[in-house]
PDB file of N, CA and C in Angstrom:
ATOM      1  N   UNK A   1     307.784 166.763 191.005  1.00  0.00           N
ATOM      2  CA  UNK A   1     308.972 166.069 190.543  1.00  0.00           C
ATOM      3  C   UNK A   1     309.783 167.126 189.699  1.00  0.00           C
ATOM      4  N   UNK A   2     311.268 166.838 189.992  1.00  0.00           N
ATOM      5  CA  UNK A   2     312.313 167.828 189.506  1.00  0.00           C
ATOM      6  C   UNK A   2     312.122 168.204 187.878  1.00  0.00           C
ATOM      7  N   UNK A   3     311.651 166.941 187.096  1.00  0.00           N
ATOM      8  CA  UNK A   3     311.648 167.154 185.726  1.00  0.00           C
ATOM      9  C   UNK A   3     310.324 168.001 185.384  1.00  0.00           C
ATOM     10  N   UNK A   4     309.294 168.208 185.990  1.00  0.00           N
ATOM     11  CA  UNK A   4     308.437 169.181 185.607  1.00  0.00           C
ATOM     12  C   UNK A   4     308.821 170.428 186.220  1.00  0.00           C
ATOM     13  N   UNK A   5     309.587 170.674 187.184  1.00  0.00           N
ATOM     14  CA  UNK A   5     309.740 172.012 187.580  1.00  0.00           C
ATOM     15  C   UNK A   5     310.686 172.701 187.058  1.00  0.00           C
ATOM     16  N   UNK A   6     311.921 172.005 186.310  1.00  0.00           N
ATOM     17  CA  UNK A   6     312.923 172.623 185.798  1.00  0.00           C
ATOM     18  C   UNK A   6     313.287 171.629 184.568  1.00  0.00           C
ATOM     19  N   UNK A   7     312.271 171.916 183.363  1.00  0.00           N
ATOM     20  CA  UNK A   7     312.435 170.749 182.364  1.00  0.00           C
ATOM     21  C   UNK A   7     313.784 170.760 181.547  1.00  0.00           C
ATOM     22  N   UNK A   8     314.468 171.792 181.627  1.00  0.00           N
ATOM     23  CA  UNK A   8     315.916 172.039 180.835  1.00  0.00           C
ATOM     24  C   UNK A   8     317.249 171.643 181.608  1.00  0.00           C
ATOM     25  N   UNK A   9     316.726 171.136 182.832  1.00  0.00           N
ATOM     26  CA  UNK A   9     318.044 170.960 183.543  1.00  0.00           C
ATOM     27  C   UNK A   9     318.797 169.655 182.964  1.00  0.00           C
ATOM     28  N   UNK A  10     320.208 169.723 183.007  1.00  0.00           N
ATOM     29  CA  UNK A  10     320.899 168.649 182.344  1.00  0.00           C
ATOM     30  C   UNK A  10     320.850 167.341 183.218  1.00  0.00           C
ATOM     31  N   UNK A  11     320.783 166.125 182.668  1.00  0.00           N
ATOM     32  CA  UNK A  11     320.709 164.753 183.096  1.00  0.00           C
ATOM     33  C   UNK A  11     321.808 164.539 183.915  1.00  0.00           C
ATOM     34  N   UNK A  12     322.842 165.286 184.087  1.00  0.00           N
ATOM     35  CA  UNK A  12     324.128 164.963 185.005  1.00  0.00           C
ATOM     36  C   UNK A  12     323.652 165.279 186.508  1.00  0.00           C
ATOM     37  N   UNK A  13     322.653 165.915 186.706  1.00  0.00           N
ATOM     38  CA  UNK A  13     322.409 166.070 188.091  1.00  0.00           C
ATOM     39  C   UNK A  13     321.964 164.637 188.779  1.00  0.00           C
ATOM     40  N   UNK A  14     321.462 163.834 188.137  1.00  0.00           N
ATOM     41  CA  UNK A  14     321.174 162.425 188.613  1.00  0.00           C
ATOM     42  C   UNK A  14     321.871 161.330 188.155  1.00  0.00           C
ATOM     43  N   UNK A  15     322.449 161.500 186.777  1.00  0.00           N
ATOM     44  CA  UNK A  15     323.179 160.364 186.022  1.00  0.00           C
ATOM     45  C   UNK A  15     324.530 160.813 186.081  1.00  0.00           C
ATOM     46  N   UNK A  16     325.453 159.934 186.290  1.00  0.00           N
ATOM     47  CA  UNK A  16     326.806 159.989 186.021  1.00  0.00           C
ATOM     48  C   UNK A  16     327.079 160.055 184.510  1.00  0.00           C
ATOM     49  N   UNK A  17     328.249 160.481 184.214  1.00  0.00           N
ATOM     50  CA  UNK A  17     328.577 160.713 182.638  1.00  0.00           C
ATOM     51  C   UNK A  17     328.482 159.278 182.049  1.00  0.00           C
ATOM     52  N   UNK A  18     329.148 158.524 182.689  1.00  0.00           N
ATOM     53  CA  UNK A  18     329.023 156.915 181.797  1.00  0.00           C
ATOM     54  C   UNK A  18     327.642 156.454 181.934  1.00  0.00           C
ATOM     55  N   UNK A  19     326.855 156.727 182.850  1.00  0.00           N
ATOM     56  CA  UNK A  19     325.372 156.205 182.775  1.00  0.00           C
ATOM     57  C   UNK A  19     324.773 156.981 181.632  1.00  0.00           C
ATOM     58  N   UNK A  20     324.718 158.171 181.406  1.00  0.00           N
ATOM     59  CA  UNK A  20     323.724 158.754 180.516  1.00  0.00           C
ATOM     60  C   UNK A  20     324.403 158.338 179.055  1.00  0.00           C
ATOM     61  N   UNK A  21     325.889 158.000 178.993  1.00  0.00           N
ATOM     62  CA  UNK A  21     326.343 157.705 177.705  1.00  0.00           C
ATOM     63  C   UNK A  21     325.775 156.190 177.163  1.00  0.00           C
ATOM     64  N   UNK A  22     325.839 155.298 178.217  1.00  0.00           N
ATOM     65  CA  UNK A  22     325.588 153.945 178.174  1.00  0.00           C
ATOM     66  C   UNK A  22     323.988 153.876 177.757  1.00  0.00           C
ATOM     67  N   UNK A  23     323.280 154.659 178.646  1.00  0.00           N
ATOM     68  CA  UNK A  23     321.733 154.972 178.221  1.00  0.00           C
ATOM     69  C   UNK A  23     321.494 155.289 176.736  1.00  0.00           C
ATOM     70  N   UNK A  24     322.132 156.644 176.432  1.00  0.00           N
ATOM     71  CA  UNK A  24     322.221 156.727 175.091  1.00  0.00           C
ATOM     72  C   UNK A  24     322.415 155.653 174.203  1.00  0.00           C
ATOM     73  N   UNK A  25     323.733 155.016 174.319  1.00  0.00           N
ATOM     74  CA  UNK A  25     324.037 153.962 173.406  1.00  0.00           C
ATOM     75  C   UNK A  25     322.977 152.710 173.239  1.00  0.00           C
ATOM     76  N   UNK A  26     322.389 152.418 174.496  1.00  0.00           N
ATOM     77  CA  UNK A  26     321.747 151.236 174.471  1.00  0.00           C
ATOM     78  C   UNK A  26     320.460 151.553 173.798  1.00  0.00           C
ATOM     79  N   UNK A  27     319.735 152.744 174.089  1.00  0.00           N
ATOM     80  CA  UNK A  27     318.474 153.322 173.462  1.00  0.00           C
ATOM     81  C   UNK A  27     318.618 153.357 171.906  1.00  0.00           C
ATOM     82  N   UNK A  28     319.710 154.271 171.689  1.00  0.00           N
ATOM     83  CA  UNK A  28     319.701 154.540 170.171  1.00  0.00           C
ATOM     84  C   UNK A  28     320.581 153.556 169.360  1.00  0.00           C
ATOM     85  N   UNK A  29     321.007 152.500 169.871  1.00  0.00           N
ATOM     86  CA  UNK A  29     321.967 151.645 169.319  1.00  0.00           C
ATOM     87  C   UNK A  29     323.144 152.241 168.663  1.00  0.00           C
ATOM     88  N   UNK A  30     323.645 153.111 169.068  1.00  0.00           N
ATOM     89  CA  UNK A  30     324.939 154.025 168.792  1.00  0.00           C
ATOM     90  C   UNK A  30     325.959 154.127 169.790  1.00  0.00           C
ATOM     91  N   UNK A  31     326.923 153.681 169.504  1.00  0.00           N
ATOM     92  CA  UNK A  31     328.085 153.660 170.668  1.00  0.00           C
ATOM     93  C   UNK A  31     328.649 155.064 170.699  1.00  0.00           C
ATOM     94  N   UNK A  32     328.595 156.035 169.949  1.00  0.00           N
ATOM     95  CA  UNK A  32     329.083 157.522 169.940  1.00  0.00           C
ATOM     96  C   UNK A  32     328.155 158.268 170.496  1.00  0.00           C
ATOM     97  N   UNK A  33     328.367 159.006 171.765  1.00  0.00           N
ATOM     98  CA  UNK A  33     327.322 159.797 172.331  1.00  0.00           C
ATOM     99  C   UNK A  33     327.245 161.088 171.769  1.00  0.00           C
ATOM    100  N   UNK A  34     326.263 161.740 172.084  1.00  0.00           N
ATOM    101  CA  UNK A  34     326.363 163.373 171.749  1.00  0.00           C
ATOM    102  C   UNK A  34     327.417 164.102 172.338  1.00  0.00           C
ATOM    103  N   UNK A  35     327.594 165.353 172.013  1.00  0.00           N
ATOM    104  CA  UNK A  35     328.493 166.213 172.702  1.00  0.00           C
ATOM    105  C   UNK A  35     328.018 166.570 173.882  1.00  0.00           C
ATOM    106  N   UNK A  36     326.866 166.789 174.044  1.00  0.00           N
ATOM    107  CA  UNK A  36     326.311 167.418 175.357  1.00  0.00           C
ATOM    108  C   UNK A  36     325.303 166.336 175.912  1.00  0.00           C
ATOM    109  N   UNK A  37     325.139 166.534 177.184  1.00  0.00           N
ATOM    110  CA  UNK A  37     324.181 165.528 177.875  1.00  0.00           C
ATOM    111  C   UNK A  37     322.786 165.927 177.618  1.00  0.00           C
ATOM    112  N   UNK A  38     322.042 165.171 177.638  1.00  0.00           N
ATOM    113  CA  UNK A  38     320.515 165.424 177.369  1.00  0.00           C
ATOM    114  C   UNK A  38     319.686 165.954 178.567  1.00  0.00           C
ATOM    115  N   UNK A  39     318.492 166.467 178.387  1.00  0.00           N
ATOM    116  CA  UNK A  39     318.082 166.829 179.539  1.00  0.00           C
ATOM    117  C   UNK A  39     317.534 165.819 180.551  1.00  0.00           C
ATOM    118  N   UNK A  40     317.143 166.035 181.689  1.00  0.00           N
ATOM    119  CA  UNK A  40     316.893 165.134 182.818  1.00  0.00           C
ATOM    120  C   UNK A  40     315.788 164.606 182.184  1.00  0.00           C
ATOM    121  N   UNK A  41     314.573 165.133 181.838  1.00  0.00           N
ATOM    122  CA  UNK A  41     313.433 164.646 181.310  1.00  0.00           C
ATOM    123  C   UNK A  41     313.574 163.703 180.162  1.00  0.00           C
ATOM    124  N   UNK A  42     314.604 163.885 179.398  1.00  0.00           N
ATOM    125  CA  UNK A  42     314.734 163.137 178.152  1.00  0.00           C
ATOM    126  C   UNK A  42     315.416 161.895 178.504  1.00  0.00           C
ATOM    127  N   UNK A  43     316.354 161.884 179.499  1.00  0.00           N
ATOM    128  CA  UNK A  43     317.160 160.910 180.068  1.00  0.00           C
ATOM    129  C   UNK A  43     316.015 159.890 180.980  1.00  0.00           C
ATOM    130  N   UNK A  44     315.340 160.292 181.591  1.00  0.00           N
ATOM    131  CA  UNK A  44     314.268 159.629 182.510  1.00  0.00           C
ATOM    132  C   UNK A  44     313.231 158.909 181.528  1.00  0.00           C
ATOM    133  N   UNK A  45     312.817 159.580 180.447  1.00  0.00           N
ATOM    134  CA  UNK A  45     311.959 159.025 179.390  1.00  0.00           C
ATOM    135  C   UNK A  45     312.744 157.872 178.792  1.00  0.00           C
ATOM    136  N   UNK A  46     314.180 157.945 178.631  1.00  0.00           N
ATOM    137  CA  UNK A  46     314.881 156.783 177.878  1.00  0.00           C
ATOM    138  C   UNK A  46     315.211 155.869 178.735  1.00  0.00           C
ATOM    139  N   UNK A  47     314.977 155.884 180.286  1.00  0.00           N
ATOM    140  CA  UNK A  47     315.320 154.884 181.358  1.00  0.00           C
ATOM    141  C   UNK A  47     314.046 154.071 181.346  1.00  0.00           C
ATOM    142  N   UNK A  48     312.922 154.643 180.962  1.00  0.00           N
ATOM    143  CA  UNK A  48     311.633 154.060 181.374  1.00  0.00           C
ATOM    144  C   UNK A  48     311.414 152.687 180.089  1.00  0.00           C
ATOM    145  N   UNK A  49     312.188 152.965 178.780  1.00  0.00           N
ATOM    146  CA  UNK A  49     311.907 151.849 177.943  1.00  0.00           C
ATOM    147  C   UNK A  49     312.427 150.559 178.376  1.00  0.00           C
ATOM    148  N   UNK A  50     313.935 150.472 178.735  1.00  0.00           N
ATOM    149  CA  UNK A  50     314.426 149.407 179.150  1.00  0.00           C
ATOM    150  C   UNK A  50     313.687 148.793 180.499  1.00  0.00           C
ATOM    151  N   UNK A  51     313.014 149.535 181.310  1.00  0.00           N
ATOM    152  CA  UNK A  51     312.324 149.129 182.542  1.00  0.00           C
ATOM    153  C   UNK A  51     310.836 148.514 182.058  1.00  0.00           C
ATOM    154  N   UNK A  52     310.661 148.649 180.709  1.00  0.00           N
ATOM    155  CA  UNK A  52     309.538 147.802 180.365  1.00  0.00           C
ATOM    156  C   UNK A  52     308.355 148.694 179.751  1.00  0.00           C
ATOM    157  N   UNK A  53     308.467 149.936 179.867  1.00  0.00           N
ATOM    158  CA  UNK A  53     307.210 150.812 179.378  1.00  0.00           C
ATOM    159  C   UNK A  53     307.277 151.161 177.958  1.00  0.00           C
ATOM    160  N   UNK A  54     306.060 150.947 177.400  1.00  0.00           N
ATOM    161  CA  UNK A  54     306.064 150.891 176.070  1.00  0.00           C
ATOM    162  C   UNK A  54     305.599 152.255 175.401  1.00  0.00           C
ATOM    163  N   UNK A  55     305.102 153.004 176.191  1.00  0.00           N
ATOM    164  CA  UNK A  55     304.934 154.408 175.739  1.00  0.00           C
ATOM    165  C   UNK A  55     303.975 154.643 174.831  1.00  0.00           C
ATOM    166  N   UNK A  56     302.802 153.784 174.894  1.00  0.00           N
ATOM    167  CA  UNK A  56     301.474 153.825 174.210  1.00  0.00           C
ATOM    168  C   UNK A  56     300.818 155.069 174.461  1.00  0.00           C
ATOM    169  N   UNK A  57     299.935 155.361 173.592  1.00  0.00           N
ATOM    170  CA  UNK A  57     299.078 156.689 173.674  1.00  0.00           C
ATOM    171  C   UNK A  57     298.327 156.761 175.088  1.00  0.00           C
ATOM    172  N   UNK A  58     297.814 155.639 175.347  1.00  0.00           N
ATOM    173  CA  UNK A  58     296.837 155.250 176.536  1.00  0.00           C
ATOM    174  C   UNK A  58     297.604 154.747 177.610  1.00  0.00           C
ATOM    175  N   UNK A  59     298.948 154.700 177.596  1.00  0.00           N
ATOM    176  CA  UNK A  59     299.689 154.062 178.815  1.00  0.00           C
ATOM    177  C   UNK A  59     299.769 155.219 180.095  1.00  0.00           C
ATOM    178  N   UNK A  60     299.816 156.472 180.062  1.00  0.00           N
ATOM    179  CA  UNK A  60     300.009 157.309 180.970  1.00  0.00           C
ATOM    180  C   UNK A  60     301.529 157.472 181.124  1.00  0.00           C
ATOM    181  N   UNK A  61     301.744 157.763 182.456  1.00  0.00           N
ATOM    182  CA  UNK A  61     302.986 158.176 182.854  1.00  0.00           C
ATOM    183  C   UNK A  61     303.606 156.763 183.289  1.00  0.00           C
ATOM    184  N   UNK A  62     305.043 156.641 183.226  1.00  0.00           N
ATOM    185  CA  UNK A  62     305.656 155.322 183.882  1.00  0.00           C
ATOM    186  C   UNK A  62     305.701 155.614 185.371  1.00  0.00           C
ATOM    187  N   UNK A  63     305.538 154.322 186.057  1.00  0.00           N
ATOM    188  CA  UNK A  63     305.476 154.488 187.446  1.00  0.00           C
ATOM    189  C   UNK A  63     307.007 154.114 188.036  1.00  0.00           C
ATOM    190  N   UNK A  64     306.761 154.195 189.285  1.00  0.00           N
ATOM    191  CA  UNK A  64     308.172 153.829 189.840  1.00  0.00           C
ATOM    192  C   UNK A  64     308.714 152.569 189.893  1.00  0.00           C
ATOM    193  N   UNK A  65     307.914 151.579 189.586  1.00  0.00           N
ATOM    194  CA  UNK A  65     308.186 150.119 189.377  1.00  0.00           C
ATOM    195  C   UNK A  65     309.179 150.184 188.086  1.00  0.00           C
ATOM    196  N   UNK A  66     308.458 150.764 187.077  1.00  0.00           N
ATOM    197  CA  UNK A  66     309.087 150.830 185.640  1.00  0.00           C
ATOM    198  C   UNK A  66     310.550 151.672 185.864  1.00  0.00           C
ATOM    199  N   UNK A  67     310.468 152.739 186.642  1.00  0.00           N
ATOM    200  CA  UNK A  67     311.695 153.608 186.752  1.00  0.00           C
ATOM    201  C   UNK A  67     312.793 152.683 187.333  1.00  0.00           C
ATOM    202  N   UNK A  68     312.379 151.790 188.328  1.00  0.00           N
ATOM    203  CA  UNK A  68     313.235 151.021 189.236  1.00  0.00           C
ATOM    204  C   UNK A  68     313.978 150.060 188.175  1.00  0.00           C
ATOM    205  N   UNK A  69     313.141 149.430 187.452  1.00  0.00           N
ATOM    206  CA  UNK A  69     313.507 148.351 186.711  1.00  0.00           C
ATOM    207  C   UNK A  69     314.551 148.920 185.607  1.00  0.00           C
ATOM    208  N   UNK A  70     314.042 150.170 184.967  1.00  0.00           N
ATOM    209  CA  UNK A  70     315.023 150.850 184.104  1.00  0.00           C
ATOM    210  C   UNK A  70     316.366 151.154 184.701  1.00  0.00           C
ATOM    211  N   UNK A  71     316.348 151.827 185.945  1.00  0.00           N
ATOM    212  CA  UNK A  71     317.755 152.046 186.385  1.00  0.00           C
ATOM    213  C   UNK A  71     318.582 150.919 187.038  1.00  0.00           C
ATOM    214  N   UNK A  72     317.815 149.637 187.289  1.00  0.00           N
ATOM    215  CA  UNK A  72     318.479 148.387 187.585  1.00  0.00           C
ATOM    216  C   UNK A  72     319.153 148.119 186.315  1.00  0.00           C
ATOM    217  N   UNK A  73     318.281 147.903 185.207  1.00  0.00           N
ATOM    218  CA  UNK A  73     318.946 147.398 184.157  1.00  0.00           C
ATOM    219  C   UNK A  73     320.315 148.176 183.603  1.00  0.00           C
ATOM    220  N   UNK A  74     320.185 149.666 183.651  1.00  0.00           N
ATOM    221  CA  UNK A  74     321.172 150.603 183.218  1.00  0.00           C
ATOM    222  C   UNK A  74     322.541 150.258 184.126  1.00  0.00           C
ATOM    223  N   UNK A  75     322.126 149.985 185.391  1.00  0.00           N
ATOM    224  CA  UNK A  75     323.326 149.675 186.359  1.00  0.00           C
ATOM    225  C   UNK A  75     323.988 148.243 186.153  1.00  0.00           C
ATOM    226  N   UNK A  76     323.312 147.415 185.458  1.00  0.00           N
ATOM    227  CA  UNK A  76     323.913 146.243 184.699  1.00  0.00           C
ATOM    228  C   UNK A  76     324.627 146.371 183.552  1.00  0.00           C
ATOM    229  N   UNK A  77     324.140 147.287 182.865  1.00  0.00           N
ATOM    230  CA  UNK A  77     324.615 147.339 181.483  1.00  0.00           C
ATOM    231  C   UNK A  77     326.121 148.256 181.649  1.00  0.00           C
ATOM    232  N   UNK A  78     325.977 149.153 182.381  1.00  0.00           N
ATOM    233  CA  UNK A  78     327.127 150.144 182.453  1.00  0.00           C
ATOM    234  C   UNK A  78     328.652 149.682 182.676  1.00  0.00           C
ATOM    235  N   UNK A  79     328.844 148.631 183.578  1.00  0.00           N
ATOM    236  CA  UNK A  79     330.397 148.128 183.648  1.00  0.00           C
ATOM    237  C   UNK A  79     330.537 147.381 182.087  1.00  0.00           C
ATOM    238  N   UNK A  80     329.658 146.702 181.774  1.00  0.00           N
ATOM    239  CA  UNK A  80     330.008 145.988 180.370  1.00  0.00           C
ATOM    240  C   UNK A  80     330.308 147.053 179.280  1.00  0.00           C
ATOM    241  N   UNK A  81     329.638 148.309 179.144  1.00  0.00           N
ATOM    242  CA  UNK A  81     329.780 149.295 178.358  1.00  0.00           C
ATOM    243  C   UNK A  81     331.095 149.744 178.452  1.00  0.00           C
ATOM    244  N   UNK A  82     331.642 149.946 179.647  1.00  0.00           N
ATOM    245  CA  UNK A  82     332.930 150.656 180.071  1.00  0.00           C
ATOM    246  C   UNK A  82     333.943 149.596 179.476  1.00  0.00           C
ATOM    247  N   UNK A  83     333.915 148.522 179.696  1.00  0.00           N
ATOM    248  CA  UNK A  83     334.736 147.473 179.326  1.00  0.00           C
ATOM    249  C   UNK A  83     334.979 147.473 177.506  1.00  0.00           C
ATOM    250  N   UNK A  84     333.788 147.119 177.154  1.00  0.00           N
ATOM    251  CA  UNK A  84     333.748 147.301 175.485  1.00  0.00           C
ATOM    252  C   UNK A  84     334.374 148.619 175.041  1.00  0.00           C
ATOM    253  N   UNK A  85     333.857 149.814 175.510  1.00  0.00           N
ATOM    254  CA  UNK A  85     334.428 150.812 175.082  1.00  0.00           C
ATOM    255  C   UNK A  85     335.810 151.195 175.241  1.00  0.00           C
ATOM    256  N   UNK A  86     336.476 150.570 176.378  1.00  0.00           N
ATOM    257  CA  UNK A  86     337.836 150.667 176.602  1.00  0.00           C
ATOM    258  C   UNK A  86     338.549 149.807 175.603  1.00  0.00           C
ATOM    259  N   UNK A  87     337.919 149.015 175.123  1.00  0.00           N
ATOM    260  CA  UNK A  87     338.800 148.045 173.916  1.00  0.00           C
ATOM    261  C   UNK A  87     338.693 148.685 172.556  1.00  0.00           C
ATOM    262  N   UNK A  88     337.357 149.275 172.228  1.00  0.00           N
ATOM    263  CA  UNK A  88     337.188 149.781 170.992  1.00  0.00           C
ATOM    264  C   UNK A  88     337.376 151.144 170.757  1.00  0.00           C
ATOM    265  N   UNK A  89     337.641 151.911 171.820  1.00  0.00           N
ATOM    266  CA  UNK A  89     337.683 153.553 171.727  1.00  0.00           C
ATOM    267  C   UNK A  89     338.776 153.693 170.503  1.00  0.00           C
ATOM    268  N   UNK A  90     339.879 153.030 170.725  1.00  0.00           N
ATOM    269  CA  UNK A  90     341.061 153.676 169.778  1.00  0.00           C
ATOM    270  C   UNK A  90     340.415 153.585 168.302  1.00  0.00           C
ATOM    271  N   UNK A  91     339.387 152.682 168.118  1.00  0.00           N
ATOM    272  CA  UNK A  91     339.148 152.255 166.483  1.00  0.00           C
ATOM    273  C   UNK A  91     337.803 153.127 166.221  1.00  0.00           C
ATOM    274  N   UNK A  92     337.131 153.765 167.127  1.00  0.00           N
ATOM    275  CA  UNK A  92     335.792 154.345 167.060  1.00  0.00           C
ATOM    276  C   UNK A  92     336.366 156.001 166.551  1.00  0.00           C
ATOM    277  N   UNK A  93     335.798 156.597 165.642  1.00  0.00           N
ATOM    278  CA  UNK A  93     336.028 158.052 165.347  1.00  0.00           C
ATOM    279  C   UNK A  93     335.395 158.843 166.134  1.00  0.00           C
ATOM    280  N   UNK A  94     336.283 159.965 166.860  1.00  0.00           N
ATOM    281  CA  UNK A  94     335.794 160.913 167.721  1.00  0.00           C
ATOM    282  C   UNK A  94     335.534 160.560 169.221  1.00  0.00           C
ATOM    283  N   UNK A  95     335.740 159.312 169.561  1.00  0.00           N
ATOM    284  CA  UNK A  95     335.289 158.555 170.771  1.00  0.00           C
ATOM    285  C   UNK A  95     336.496 158.648 171.742  1.00  0.00           C
ATOM    286  N   UNK A  96     336.540 159.446 172.828  1.00  0.00           N
ATOM    287  CA  UNK A  96     337.491 159.024 173.970  1.00  0.00           C
ATOM    288  C   UNK A  96     337.187 157.677 174.752  1.00  0.00           C
ATOM    289  N   UNK A  97     338.160 157.252 175.329  1.00  0.00           N
ATOM    290  CA  UNK A  97     337.600 156.214 176.400  1.00  0.00           C
ATOM    291  C   UNK A  97     336.708 156.661 177.503  1.00  0.00           C
ATOM    292  N   UNK A  98     335.962 155.709 177.767  1.00  0.00           N
ATOM    293  CA  UNK A  98     334.873 156.156 178.717  1.00  0.00           C
ATOM    294  C   UNK A  98     335.402 156.403 180.296  1.00  0.00           C
ATOM    295  N   UNK A  99     336.613 155.719 180.577  1.00  0.00           N
ATOM    296  CA  UNK A  99     337.085 156.170 181.905  1.00  0.00           C
ATOM    297  C   UNK A  99     338.558 155.763 181.642  1.00  0.00           C
ATOM    298  N   UNK A 100     339.472 156.106 182.274  1.00  0.00           N
ATOM    299  CA  UNK A 100     340.930 156.344 181.969  1.00  0.00           C
ATOM    300  C   UNK A 100     341.754 154.978 182.832  1.00  0.00           C
ATOM    301  N   UNK A 101     341.261 154.864 184.129  1.00  0.00           N
ATOM    302  CA  UNK A 101     341.944 154.004 185.168  1.00  0.00           C
ATOM    303  C   UNK A 101     341.423 152.713 184.903  1.00  0.00           C
ATOM    304  N   UNK A 102     342.463 151.827 184.829  1.00  0.00           N
ATOM    305  CA  UNK A 102     342.171 150.260 184.503  1.00  0.00           C
ATOM    306  C   UNK A 102     342.277 149.443 185.732  1.00  0.00           C
TER     307      UNK A 102
END
């Protein structure tokens, strides 16, 4: 898997900018994303949570079903996040709009 071969690769190889920002906001409960994108392995690990992976010591690695569920959930959340951020962006400090075309 690419996350094992190149652990420091940015998640923008797989995720669009909106997607990793939504993922960050959803998992961390913080609407303001960091300045730079997380690594791919960090983003994949964050996707597994909404997919149902608990991450207990004895759970092992998440499977494809968990990743699928996490990505599906992310695809459901992303449009709503864009709408809300476009409405709130002027009121949040240091937060540009998620997308500019309405």
